[in-house]
Amino acid sequence: MSFLSDDEKDALSIKRMIFHVVGKKLDEPILLNEIKPPQHQDFFLERVKSSLRGNLFAFREHSPTEALLRGIADGGDFTDETRKLALDFQSRHKTAMSMGVFFIFEMTAGEGITIYALVKYDNEDVVRYVIDELDAAAVPKLERFQESFVRKPEAMQKIALVRLDEAAGGRIMVRDRSNVAHISDYFEGFLRARRVNAPVDMSEKLVNALKDTFKEHRKSLPDDVQRSGVNRIYSTMQLGLRFDPDDCEPLLTAVFGPLAADAPLRKTLKKKLRDQGVSEETFDVDPERVQKPRRHVIETAEGVQVLYDAGKRPSVVQRDDKRWEIVIVTSGVTRDDAEIETSPRRG
């Protein structure tokens, strides 16, 4: 289940905004007032939308962050409650924190849907140039800024999008650039949250999505992939790779071979990942949690099937006449019979 539907993402807008200055040079955050009305909404909304892929968490019981956000949702003072959030955020750092600001946005995602965005935005040291068109020599003027917001995603070190449940608790989408596959300890403590999808389970969910996709598109894939697509999935999982929904290309190529940008398989995989609840998650695949299949099958062009257990594959060799020969060495034949029919013939 996605944190926001496509329609809700399209409907996102900023209702209120505020930020407080945080960082290693400060004993306490510099607490500021709400920006009324919100400014440069297009810039900040684009930044938030660029981080909509993240890891799903849920509030634990007695989360102070949940309590403060509920205070805002219930009509509490927006500035006062966000100041408490900033104080708590800075206090949890065990090591030096880069200078920046802690943004809190109250957003809407359609009728009656409120989303809170908590963003640690790092300051950037930039030099801006200004050209005076009236100056015949056209000598640029350089201006240096240390307190600035830039477009690059790396500037947003941490972002948590919060969707409160009606009575208690709530879902959180987290993007933490210091720990992309999970969340840093202090940020987890600040949110007082737990991962919704256990990392040990997501590896198997990814395998299920890949297998379902392979079944639907098998006939459109290259011959070598058609013959051993499931084996390719499991052998790829044994590499211990990181699954990142923003960079699926290495995984797709390893399993299905090179794909065109508009290949229908891509859309199917996206749907299957969403069905499994991992379409927006980033995690490290745990090979130990990917249960290898015990039974395997070899099927010939004539429709002959050979079933065997893992580790007991018969020998398959190509003959001089280009046909293939399957050689089974056995201590004895226990069955050589017609199949028992379980249903009457039709017709």
Protein backbone atom coordinates (compact mmCIF):
# COMPACT_ATOMS: atom_id res chain seq x y z
CA MET A 1 0.00 0.00 0.00
CA SER A 2 1.45 3.36 -1.05
CA PHE A 3 1.75 6.24 1.38
CA LEU A 4 -0.08 8.50 -1.08
CA SER A 5 -2.11 7.59 -4.15
CA ASP A 6 -1.24 9.17 -7.48
CA ASP A 7 -4.25 11.49 -7.19
CA GLU A 8 -3.18 12.55 -3.68
CA LYS A 9 0.36 13.26 -4.88
CA ASP A 10 -1.03 15.45 -7.66
CA ALA A 11 -3.21 17.32 -5.14
CA LEU A 12 -0.38 18.13 -2.69
CA SER A 13 -0.18 21.77 -1.71
CA ILE A 14 1.43 23.72 1.13
CA LYS A 15 -0.96 25.21 3.68
CA ARG A 16 1.48 26.43 6.37
CA MET A 17 5.25 26.56 6.70
CA ILE A 18 7.92 27.44 9.24
CA PHE A 19 11.56 26.68 9.82
CA HIS A 20 14.01 26.90 12.72
CA VAL A 21 17.80 27.08 12.48
CA VAL A 22 19.68 24.04 13.83
CA GLY A 23 23.28 22.87 13.77
CA LYS A 24 26.55 22.17 15.53
CA LYS A 25 27.41 25.84 16.09
CA LEU A 26 24.33 26.41 18.21
CA ASP A 27 23.70 25.43 21.81
CA GLU A 28 20.00 25.83 21.13
CA PRO A 29 18.10 26.18 17.83
CA ILE A 30 17.25 29.67 16.61
CA LEU A 31 13.47 29.59 16.85
CA LEU A 32 11.55 31.57 14.25
CA ASN A 33 7.96 32.50 13.49
CA GLU A 34 5.57 31.05 10.94
CA ILE A 35 5.92 32.34 7.37
CA LYS A 36 2.53 33.79 6.46
CA PRO A 37 1.47 33.18 3.77
CA PRO A 38 3.80 30.37 2.62
CA GLN A 39 6.45 31.65 0.22
CA HIS A 40 8.02 30.04 -2.87
CA GLN A 41 5.54 27.19 -2.66
CA ASP A 42 6.46 25.83 -6.09
CA PHE A 43 10.12 25.46 -5.07
CA PHE A 44 9.50 23.69 -1.77
CA LEU A 45 6.62 21.57 -3.08
CA GLU A 46 8.90 20.27 -5.83
CA ARG A 47 11.53 19.41 -3.22
CA VAL A 48 9.03 17.46 -1.12
CA LYS A 49 7.63 15.60 -4.13
CA SER A 50 11.14 14.59 -5.19
CA SER A 51 11.40 12.63 -1.92
CA LEU A 52 8.07 10.82 -2.07
CA ARG A 53 9.87 7.49 -2.35
CA GLY A 54 10.97 6.36 1.06
CA ASN A 55 10.73 3.71 3.74
CA LEU A 56 7.45 3.20 5.57
CA PHE A 57 7.36 3.57 9.33
CA ALA A 58 4.62 3.82 11.94
CA PHE A 59 4.56 5.72 15.23
CA ARG A 60 5.21 3.75 18.37
CA GLU A 61 3.02 4.34 21.38
CA HIS A 62 3.70 7.59 23.26
CA SER A 63 5.69 9.19 20.43
CA PRO A 64 6.40 12.83 21.38
CA THR A 65 6.54 13.80 17.71
CA GLU A 66 3.10 12.33 17.09
CA ALA A 67 1.75 14.15 20.16
CA LEU A 68 3.07 17.53 18.97
CA LEU A 69 1.71 17.05 15.45
CA ARG A 70 -1.67 16.06 16.87
CA GLY A 71 -1.57 19.25 18.91
CA ILE A 72 -1.26 21.21 15.66
CA ALA A 73 -3.96 19.13 13.97
CA ASP A 74 -6.31 19.78 16.90
CA GLY A 75 -5.90 23.54 16.57
CA GLY A 76 -2.84 24.17 18.76
CA ASP A 77 -0.39 27.00 18.14
CA PHE A 78 1.57 26.09 15.00
CA THR A 79 4.65 28.13 15.91
CA ASP A 80 4.87 26.92 19.52
CA GLU A 81 4.43 23.24 18.65
CA THR A 82 7.00 23.34 15.85
CA ARG A 83 9.51 25.06 18.17
CA LYS A 84 9.19 22.10 20.53
CA LEU A 85 9.84 19.78 17.60
CA ALA A 86 13.00 21.69 16.64
CA LEU A 87 14.30 21.65 20.22
CA ASP A 88 13.75 17.90 20.45
CA PHE A 89 15.31 17.30 17.03
CA GLN A 90 18.55 19.11 17.89
CA SER A 91 18.79 17.59 21.37
CA ARG A 92 18.96 14.05 19.97
CA HIS A 93 22.21 14.51 18.08
CA LYS A 94 25.06 12.56 19.66
CA THR A 95 27.61 13.89 17.16
CA ALA A 96 28.07 17.23 15.43
CA MET A 97 25.19 18.19 13.17
CA SER A 98 25.73 20.19 9.99
CA MET A 99 24.28 23.68 10.01
CA GLY A 100 20.91 24.03 8.39
CA VAL A 101 17.24 24.48 9.10
CA PHE A 102 14.45 22.26 10.30
CA PHE A 103 11.35 22.82 8.16
CA ILE A 104 7.82 21.87 9.15
CA PHE A 105 5.18 22.03 6.41
CA GLU A 106 1.48 21.45 6.93
CA MET A 107 0.16 20.22 3.59
CA THR A 108 -3.09 19.05 2.06
CA ALA A 109 -3.41 16.13 -0.35
CA GLY A 110 -7.06 16.50 -1.29
CA GLU A 111 -10.26 17.05 0.62
CA GLY A 112 -9.79 16.27 4.32
CA ILE A 113 -6.27 14.82 3.94
CA THR A 114 -3.49 16.51 5.93
CA ILE A 115 0.19 15.62 5.56
CA TYR A 116 3.03 16.99 7.67
CA ALA A 117 6.52 17.22 6.22
CA LEU A 118 9.50 17.42 8.61
CA VAL A 119 12.66 18.29 6.67
CA LYS A 120 16.28 18.82 7.76
CA TYR A 121 17.64 21.06 5.01
CA ASP A 122 21.42 21.64 5.01
CA ASN A 123 22.83 25.08 4.36
CA GLU A 124 24.84 25.41 1.15
CA ASP A 125 27.87 27.63 0.65
CA VAL A 126 27.25 29.19 -2.77
CA VAL A 127 28.51 32.12 -4.81
CA ARG A 128 25.97 33.94 -6.94
CA TYR A 129 26.90 36.14 -9.87
CA VAL A 130 24.99 39.23 -10.98
CA ILE A 131 25.61 40.99 -14.30
CA ASP A 132 24.78 44.68 -14.53
CA GLU A 133 23.47 45.16 -18.04
CA LEU A 134 24.12 48.89 -17.79
CA ASP A 135 27.82 48.31 -17.21
CA ALA A 136 29.57 48.61 -20.59
CA ALA A 137 32.44 46.42 -19.36
CA ALA A 138 29.94 43.72 -18.28
CA VAL A 139 31.97 42.75 -15.21
CA PRO A 140 29.96 40.33 -13.07
CA LYS A 141 29.39 41.01 -9.38
CA LEU A 142 29.93 38.02 -7.11
CA GLU A 143 27.95 37.51 -3.93
CA ARG A 144 28.58 34.72 -1.44
CA PHE A 145 25.81 33.11 0.59
CA GLN A 146 26.02 30.45 3.28
CA GLU A 147 22.36 30.42 4.26
CA SER A 148 20.69 29.18 1.10
CA PHE A 149 18.38 26.44 -0.16
CA VAL A 150 19.30 24.62 -3.34
CA ARG A 151 17.47 22.22 -5.63
CA LYS A 152 19.77 19.22 -5.39
CA PRO A 153 18.22 16.32 -3.43
CA GLU A 154 21.34 15.88 -1.29
CA ALA A 155 20.62 19.18 0.48
CA MET A 156 17.56 17.58 2.12
CA GLN A 157 19.37 15.30 4.55
CA LYS A 158 16.26 13.95 6.21
CA ILE A 159 12.59 14.10 5.39
CA ALA A 160 9.63 12.48 7.11
CA LEU A 161 6.15 12.74 5.66
CA VAL A 162 3.52 12.06 8.32
CA ARG A 163 -0.07 10.97 7.82
CA LEU A 164 -1.82 10.76 11.17
CA ASP A 165 -4.43 8.07 11.78
CA GLU A 166 -7.78 9.30 13.03
CA ALA A 167 -7.53 8.17 16.65
CA ALA A 168 -3.90 7.30 17.36
CA GLY A 169 -0.72 6.44 15.52
CA GLY A 170 0.07 7.22 11.94
CA ARG A 171 2.12 6.29 8.90
CA ILE A 172 5.44 7.91 8.11
CA MET A 173 7.46 7.90 4.90
CA VAL A 174 11.13 8.47 5.69
CA ARG A 175 13.99 9.38 3.37
CA ASP A 176 17.25 9.54 5.31
CA ARG A 177 20.28 10.19 3.13
CA SER A 178 22.71 9.14 5.86
CA ASN A 179 21.10 5.68 5.96
CA VAL A 180 19.11 5.16 2.77
CA ALA A 181 18.23 1.53 3.44
CA HIS A 182 16.86 2.25 6.92
CA ILE A 183 17.05 5.33 9.19
CA SER A 184 19.68 6.87 11.45
CA ASP A 185 19.36 6.05 15.15
CA TYR A 186 18.74 9.59 16.34
CA PHE A 187 16.08 10.26 13.68
CA GLU A 188 14.33 7.02 14.61
CA GLY A 189 14.44 8.14 18.25
CA PHE A 190 13.10 11.57 17.37
CA LEU A 191 10.14 10.09 15.50
CA ARG A 192 9.80 7.16 17.93
CA ALA A 193 8.81 4.96 15.03
CA ARG A 194 9.17 1.39 13.82
CA ARG A 195 9.60 0.01 10.30
CA VAL A 196 6.29 -1.21 8.86
CA ASN A 197 7.88 -3.77 6.54
CA ALA A 198 10.54 -5.78 8.35
CA PRO A 199 13.73 -5.82 6.25
CA VAL A 200 13.91 -9.60 6.63
CA ASP A 201 10.49 -9.95 4.93
CA MET A 202 11.01 -7.46 2.10
CA SER A 203 13.57 -9.67 0.34
CA GLU A 204 10.96 -12.40 -0.12
CA LYS A 205 8.35 -9.84 -1.20
CA LEU A 206 10.72 -8.58 -3.88
CA VAL A 207 11.22 -12.16 -5.14
CA ASN A 208 7.44 -12.65 -5.30
CA ALA A 209 7.02 -9.47 -7.36
CA LEU A 210 9.78 -10.52 -9.76
CA LYS A 211 8.36 -14.04 -10.20
CA ASP A 212 4.82 -12.74 -10.83
CA THR A 213 6.21 -10.31 -13.41
CA PHE A 214 8.21 -13.07 -15.10
CA LYS A 215 5.10 -15.28 -15.37
CA GLU A 216 3.15 -12.52 -17.14
CA HIS A 217 5.89 -11.59 -19.61
CA ARG A 218 7.80 -14.81 -20.09
CA LYS A 219 6.87 -15.24 -23.76
CA SER A 220 8.13 -11.75 -24.65
CA LEU A 221 11.57 -12.27 -23.12
CA PRO A 222 14.73 -13.60 -24.84
CA ASP A 223 15.00 -17.38 -25.16
CA ASP A 224 17.70 -17.73 -22.52
CA VAL A 225 15.59 -15.78 -20.02
CA GLN A 226 12.47 -17.79 -20.86
CA ARG A 227 14.35 -21.01 -20.15
CA SER A 228 15.69 -20.04 -16.73
CA GLY A 229 14.01 -16.85 -15.55
CA VAL A 230 13.23 -18.10 -12.04
CA ASN A 231 16.80 -19.33 -11.61
CA ARG A 232 18.02 -15.90 -12.70
CA ILE A 233 15.85 -14.26 -10.04
CA TYR A 234 17.22 -16.42 -7.24
CA SER A 235 20.84 -16.21 -8.38
CA THR A 236 20.55 -12.41 -8.55
CA MET A 237 19.12 -12.29 -5.03
CA GLN A 238 22.14 -14.23 -3.78
CA LEU A 239 24.36 -11.28 -4.74
CA GLY A 240 23.11 -9.35 -1.70
CA LEU A 241 22.26 -6.22 -3.69
CA ARG A 242 20.41 -3.12 -2.50
CA PHE A 243 16.93 -2.55 -3.87
CA ASP A 244 16.31 1.11 -4.62
CA PRO A 245 13.08 2.02 -6.45
CA ASP A 246 14.84 5.05 -7.93
CA ASP A 247 17.52 2.85 -9.51
CA CYS A 248 16.03 -0.48 -10.61
CA GLU A 249 17.97 -0.77 -13.87
CA PRO A 250 20.81 -3.04 -12.63
CA LEU A 251 18.25 -5.42 -11.09
CA LEU A 252 16.04 -5.47 -14.20
CA THR A 253 18.99 -6.16 -16.49
CA ALA A 254 20.36 -8.93 -14.28
CA VAL A 255 17.01 -10.74 -14.15
CA PHE A 256 15.29 -9.99 -17.47
CA GLY A 257 18.12 -8.78 -19.70
CA PRO A 258 18.24 -5.33 -21.37
CA LEU A 259 14.78 -3.75 -21.64
CA ALA A 260 13.45 -0.91 -23.76
CA ALA A 261 12.47 2.22 -21.86
CA ASP A 262 8.80 1.64 -22.76
CA ALA A 263 8.78 -2.13 -22.15
CA PRO A 264 5.38 -3.18 -20.67
CA LEU A 265 7.25 -5.37 -18.17
CA ARG A 266 8.38 -2.24 -16.33
CA LYS A 267 4.79 -1.20 -15.65
CA THR A 268 3.88 -4.70 -14.51
CA LEU A 269 6.80 -4.89 -12.08
CA LYS A 270 5.84 -1.52 -10.63
CA LYS A 271 2.33 -2.82 -9.99
CA LYS A 272 3.57 -6.09 -8.49
CA LEU A 273 5.93 -4.23 -6.15
CA ARG A 274 3.02 -2.04 -5.08
CA ASP A 275 0.87 -5.14 -4.47
CA GLN A 276 3.63 -6.52 -2.25
CA GLY A 277 3.90 -3.20 -0.39
CA VAL A 278 7.56 -2.50 -1.29
CA SER A 279 7.24 -0.18 -4.31
CA GLU A 280 8.69 2.79 -2.41
CA GLU A 281 11.04 0.99 -0.01
CA THR A 282 14.84 0.94 -0.13
CA PHE A 283 16.46 -2.06 1.54
CA ASP A 284 19.40 -4.44 1.41
CA VAL A 285 18.44 -7.87 0.10
CA ASP A 286 19.29 -10.55 2.63
CA PRO A 287 20.28 -13.73 0.72
CA GLU A 288 19.65 -15.79 3.85
CA ARG A 289 16.00 -14.69 3.85
CA VAL A 290 15.42 -15.68 0.22
CA GLN A 291 14.24 -19.27 0.42
CA LYS A 292 15.60 -21.19 -2.56
CA PRO A 293 13.12 -23.43 -4.40
CA ARG A 294 13.53 -27.13 -3.70
CA ARG A 295 11.95 -28.44 -6.90
CA HIS A 296 13.20 -27.70 -10.40
CA VAL A 297 11.97 -28.69 -13.84
CA ILE A 298 13.49 -29.23 -17.27
CA GLU A 299 10.96 -29.13 -20.12
CA THR A 300 11.75 -30.10 -23.68
CA ALA A 301 10.30 -28.79 -26.95
CA GLU A 302 8.36 -32.08 -27.21
CA GLY A 303 6.65 -31.44 -23.87
CA VAL A 304 8.68 -33.89 -21.81
CA GLN A 305 9.23 -32.71 -18.25
CA VAL A 306 11.97 -33.82 -15.89
CA LEU A 307 11.43 -32.88 -12.24
CA TYR A 308 14.36 -32.90 -9.84
CA ASP A 309 15.38 -31.59 -6.43
CA ALA A 310 17.95 -28.84 -5.96
CA GLY A 311 21.47 -30.19 -6.27
CA LYS A 312 20.38 -33.23 -8.33
CA ARG A 313 20.19 -31.76 -11.83
CA PRO A 314 20.65 -34.32 -14.60
CA SER A 315 23.33 -33.85 -17.23
CA VAL A 316 22.20 -31.86 -20.29
CA VAL A 317 24.56 -31.96 -23.30
CA GLN A 318 24.24 -30.94 -26.94
CA ARG A 319 24.72 -33.69 -29.54
CA ASP A 320 26.56 -33.37 -32.84
CA ASP A 321 23.21 -33.09 -34.66
CA LYS A 322 22.37 -29.97 -32.53
CA ARG A 323 19.74 -31.80 -30.53
CA TRP A 324 19.99 -32.05 -26.73
CA GLU A 325 20.43 -35.14 -24.61
CA ILE A 326 19.34 -35.41 -20.98
CA VAL A 327 21.26 -38.05 -19.06
CA ILE A 328 19.96 -39.35 -15.73
CA VAL A 329 22.16 -41.69 -13.72
CA THR A 330 20.12 -43.57 -11.11
CA SER A 331 20.42 -46.51 -8.75
CA GLY A 332 17.01 -47.74 -9.85
CA VAL A 333 13.71 -46.87 -11.56
CA THR A 334 10.83 -46.75 -9.07
CA ARG A 335 8.08 -45.78 -11.51
CA ASP A 336 7.47 -46.24 -15.24
CA ASP A 337 3.72 -45.88 -15.62
CA ALA A 338 0.87 -43.81 -17.06
CA GLU A 339 -0.28 -40.81 -15.01
CA ILE A 340 -3.33 -41.41 -12.83
CA GLU A 341 -6.19 -39.32 -14.22
CA THR A 342 -7.97 -37.34 -11.51
CA SER A 343 -10.82 -36.04 -13.68
CA PRO A 344 -12.86 -37.57 -16.50
CA ARG A 345 -11.98 -36.76 -20.11
CA ARG A 346 -14.12 -34.19 -21.83
CA GLY A 347 -15.49 -34.51 -25.31
